[in-house]
Amino acid sequence: MRNGSTGKGTAVAVFVAVALCLAGCGSTGEAPDPGGQKLFSKYGFSLDYPDGYHVTEGGLLEAEANDVSGMLRLKGGGEGGSDFSLVWVTITAPPEESEGWLESVEDDFFAGIRKAEAGARLEKSERIEAVETGYRVLYRCYALHYPGGAVARGVAGSFYCDEAGKLFILGTRSYRTATRDELLEEFRGYLDSLVCHAPDSQ
């Protein structure tokens, strides 16, 4: 699986692509009732998402999504909660002494958002570091303030799955009014349900 590893230049392009993917998202209205859930299970991972959301898959390093790389977007309806985007890419594991590697992923990600949303003012909260289901995860809340007063809010983060050799970058985005705690709760719901499968376990 690691034959699809990417170099630094390609990796930066991946992070920009994630930002562009999130730039097209954003729902209004109230958060959905968490009672109805569906399961997405392909490409070496599985994820729960609200029933009624529209699922779109796309290629990243190739024309179509596959085990090596791809993009997934879960888009809520007009009365839905935040849209959710996920990008995965198979890369060579960073050496243990490469401190700050995951932090650089986040930096490139938000640089991509700034590029994609040049007319908006970006605000970022403090970085949150946690260990979720055995993986070191970095994430933070962000807000994009547009001319005219519209505000998009969300949470973005990343982690590396050693078993599959995959880097995951994921994020939510919404134009509805939501508190920081509500944004984090929704993001963590996706994060908690995301399972990275080792190649021999699929």
Protein backbone atom coordinates (compact mmCIF):
# COMPACT_ATOMS: atom_id res chain seq x y z
CA MET A 1 0.00 0.00 0.00
CA ARG A 2 2.86 2.38 0.68
CA ASN A 3 3.95 2.34 -2.93
CA GLY A 4 1.63 5.32 -3.37
CA SER A 5 3.74 7.51 -1.08
CA THR A 6 4.01 11.17 -1.97
CA GLY A 7 6.80 13.70 -1.83
CA LYS A 8 6.67 17.03 -0.08
CA GLY A 9 5.50 18.97 -3.12
CA THR A 10 2.59 16.63 -3.75
CA ALA A 11 1.70 16.64 -0.08
CA VAL A 12 1.37 20.44 -0.07
CA ALA A 13 -0.91 20.19 -3.10
CA VAL A 14 -3.02 17.70 -1.17
CA PHE A 15 -3.49 20.13 1.68
CA VAL A 16 -4.49 22.91 -0.71
CA ALA A 17 -6.97 20.54 -2.35
CA VAL A 18 -8.52 19.87 1.05
CA ALA A 19 -8.94 23.58 1.62
CA LEU A 20 -10.56 23.98 -1.78
CA CYS A 21 -12.87 21.08 -0.99
CA LEU A 22 -13.98 22.65 2.27
CA ALA A 23 -14.37 26.02 0.59
CA GLY A 24 -17.32 24.69 -1.36
CA CYS A 25 -19.15 23.38 1.68
CA GLY A 26 -21.51 24.94 4.15
CA SER A 27 -25.06 24.27 5.31
CA THR A 28 -27.59 26.38 7.11
CA GLY A 29 -30.26 25.53 9.62
CA GLU A 30 -30.25 23.45 12.79
CA ALA A 31 -28.03 20.50 13.54
CA PRO A 32 -29.57 17.17 12.43
CA ASP A 33 -31.17 14.69 14.77
CA PRO A 34 -28.35 12.27 15.64
CA GLY A 35 -30.76 9.34 15.74
CA GLY A 36 -30.48 8.36 12.07
CA GLN A 37 -27.03 7.16 11.00
CA LYS A 38 -25.52 5.45 7.98
CA LEU A 39 -22.13 3.82 7.47
CA PHE A 40 -19.60 4.68 4.76
CA SER A 41 -17.04 1.87 4.43
CA LYS A 42 -14.57 1.92 1.51
CA TYR A 43 -10.94 2.67 0.72
CA GLY A 44 -9.57 1.27 3.96
CA PHE A 45 -11.70 3.20 6.45
CA SER A 46 -15.26 3.46 7.73
CA LEU A 47 -17.27 6.39 9.04
CA ASP A 48 -20.74 7.03 10.45
CA TYR A 49 -22.70 9.98 9.08
CA PRO A 50 -26.24 11.38 9.47
CA ASP A 51 -28.98 9.78 7.43
CA GLY A 52 -30.15 12.09 4.66
CA TYR A 53 -26.73 13.52 3.84
CA HIS A 54 -25.54 13.49 0.22
CA VAL A 55 -22.30 11.54 -0.29
CA THR A 56 -19.79 12.61 -2.95
CA GLU A 57 -16.48 10.86 -3.69
CA GLY A 58 -13.67 12.33 -5.76
CA GLY A 59 -10.15 11.61 -6.90
CA LEU A 60 -7.14 13.34 -5.41
CA LEU A 61 -3.89 12.02 -6.92
CA GLU A 62 -5.84 10.11 -9.55
CA ALA A 63 -9.06 10.66 -11.49
CA GLU A 64 -11.14 8.64 -9.03
CA ALA A 65 -10.97 7.87 -5.33
CA ASN A 66 -9.15 4.66 -4.42
CA ASP A 67 -7.23 3.06 -1.56
CA VAL A 68 -4.21 5.30 -2.17
CA SER A 69 -5.95 8.68 -2.08
CA GLY A 70 -9.25 10.44 -2.47
CA MET A 71 -11.79 12.92 -1.14
CA LEU A 72 -15.15 12.39 0.52
CA ARG A 73 -17.79 15.06 1.08
CA LEU A 74 -20.91 14.63 3.18
CA LYS A 75 -23.34 17.44 2.46
CA GLY A 76 -26.41 18.12 4.55
CA GLY A 77 -29.65 19.50 3.20
CA GLY A 78 -31.00 22.97 3.83
CA GLU A 79 -32.04 21.96 7.32
CA GLY A 80 -28.89 19.95 8.01
CA GLY A 81 -25.88 20.60 10.19
CA SER A 82 -22.33 21.15 9.11
CA ASP A 83 -21.00 19.63 5.92
CA PHE A 84 -18.08 17.27 6.40
CA SER A 85 -15.04 16.74 4.17
CA LEU A 86 -12.36 14.08 4.42
CA VAL A 87 -9.16 13.59 2.42
CA TRP A 88 -6.88 10.57 2.67
CA VAL A 89 -3.51 9.96 1.06
CA THR A 90 -1.04 7.10 1.44
CA ILE A 91 2.39 8.41 2.39
CA THR A 92 5.60 7.07 3.86
CA ALA A 93 5.51 7.27 7.61
CA PRO A 94 7.47 10.26 8.92
CA PRO A 95 10.54 9.38 11.03
CA GLU A 96 9.95 9.46 14.76
CA GLU A 97 12.45 12.28 15.16
CA SER A 98 10.47 14.53 12.77
CA GLU A 99 8.87 16.64 15.46
CA GLY A 100 6.25 19.04 14.21
CA TRP A 101 5.39 16.98 11.13
CA LEU A 102 1.66 16.90 11.83
CA GLU A 103 1.77 20.58 12.80
CA SER A 104 3.19 21.38 9.36
CA VAL A 105 0.25 19.54 7.80
CA GLU A 106 -2.09 21.88 9.64
CA ASP A 107 -0.08 24.94 8.60
CA ASP A 108 -0.29 23.93 4.94
CA PHE A 109 -3.98 23.21 5.29
CA PHE A 110 -4.82 26.69 6.58
CA ALA A 111 -2.50 28.23 4.00
CA GLY A 112 -4.71 26.49 1.44
CA ILE A 113 -7.84 27.92 3.03
CA ARG A 114 -6.35 31.41 2.89
CA LYS A 115 -5.58 30.92 -0.79
CA ALA A 116 -9.03 29.57 -1.59
CA GLU A 117 -10.84 32.22 0.46
CA ALA A 118 -8.71 35.25 -0.33
CA GLY A 119 -11.60 37.66 0.25
CA ALA A 120 -12.41 36.40 3.74
CA ARG A 121 -10.74 37.01 7.10
CA LEU A 122 -9.62 33.79 8.75
CA GLU A 123 -9.70 33.32 12.52
CA LYS A 124 -8.25 30.25 14.23
CA SER A 125 -8.68 29.07 17.80
CA GLU A 126 -5.95 27.46 19.86
CA ARG A 127 -4.72 24.08 18.65
CA ILE A 128 -6.10 21.02 20.40
CA GLU A 129 -3.99 17.87 20.66
CA ALA A 130 -5.57 14.60 21.67
CA VAL A 131 -5.16 10.86 21.38
CA GLU A 132 -8.27 9.42 19.72
CA THR A 133 -8.62 5.68 19.14
CA GLY A 134 -4.84 5.35 19.52
CA TYR A 135 -3.84 8.13 17.09
CA ARG A 136 -2.37 11.54 17.78
CA VAL A 137 -4.87 14.05 16.41
CA LEU A 138 -4.46 17.81 15.98
CA TYR A 139 -7.49 20.02 15.36
CA ARG A 140 -8.85 23.49 15.97
CA CYS A 141 -11.93 25.64 15.39
CA TYR A 142 -11.86 28.27 12.68
CA ALA A 143 -14.11 30.99 11.29
CA LEU A 144 -14.17 32.75 7.93
CA HIS A 145 -15.63 36.26 7.95
CA TYR A 146 -16.82 37.34 4.50
CA PRO A 147 -17.47 40.85 3.21
CA GLY A 148 -21.12 41.58 3.86
CA GLY A 149 -21.24 39.82 7.22
CA ALA A 150 -21.60 36.12 6.41
CA VAL A 151 -19.56 33.81 8.65
CA ALA A 152 -18.59 30.20 8.04
CA ARG A 153 -17.53 28.20 11.09
CA GLY A 154 -16.01 24.79 11.45
CA VAL A 155 -13.33 22.51 12.84
CA ALA A 156 -10.40 21.04 10.91
CA GLY A 157 -7.86 18.44 11.94
CA SER A 158 -5.51 15.67 10.86
CA PHE A 159 -3.96 12.41 12.00
CA TYR A 160 -1.73 9.64 10.65
CA CYS A 161 -2.87 6.01 10.69
CA ASP A 162 0.21 3.81 11.04
CA GLU A 163 -1.58 0.55 10.27
CA ALA A 164 -2.65 1.67 6.80
CA GLY A 165 0.06 4.25 6.13
CA LYS A 166 -2.56 6.93 5.51
CA LEU A 167 -2.72 10.61 6.37
CA PHE A 168 -6.28 11.79 7.05
CA ILE A 169 -7.33 15.45 6.92
CA LEU A 170 -10.89 16.14 7.94
CA GLY A 171 -13.11 19.08 8.70
CA THR A 172 -16.61 20.42 9.18
CA ARG A 173 -18.06 23.69 7.91
CA SER A 174 -21.36 25.49 8.41
CA TYR A 175 -22.97 28.90 8.06
CA ARG A 176 -25.42 28.25 10.87
CA THR A 177 -24.92 29.89 14.24
CA ALA A 178 -23.14 27.48 16.57
CA THR A 179 -21.06 27.71 19.72
CA ARG A 180 -17.51 26.44 19.96
CA ASP A 181 -18.67 23.50 22.07
CA GLU A 182 -21.32 22.57 19.49
CA LEU A 183 -18.79 22.70 16.66
CA LEU A 184 -16.35 20.52 18.59
CA GLU A 185 -19.04 18.03 19.58
CA GLU A 186 -20.08 17.55 15.96
CA PHE A 187 -16.48 17.21 14.76
CA ARG A 188 -15.60 14.74 17.50
CA GLY A 189 -18.65 12.68 16.57
CA TYR A 190 -17.19 12.14 13.10
CA LEU A 191 -13.71 11.60 14.51
CA ASP A 192 -14.87 9.02 17.04
CA SER A 193 -16.68 7.02 14.37
CA LEU A 194 -13.78 7.08 11.88
CA VAL A 195 -12.03 3.70 11.82
CA CYS A 196 -8.83 3.16 9.83
CA HIS A 197 -8.52 -0.47 8.76
CA ALA A 198 -5.22 -2.27 8.36
CA PRO A 199 -4.82 -3.75 4.85
CA ASP A 200 -5.25 -7.35 6.04
CA SER A 201 -8.35 -6.55 8.11
CA GLN A 202 -10.62 -5.47 5.23
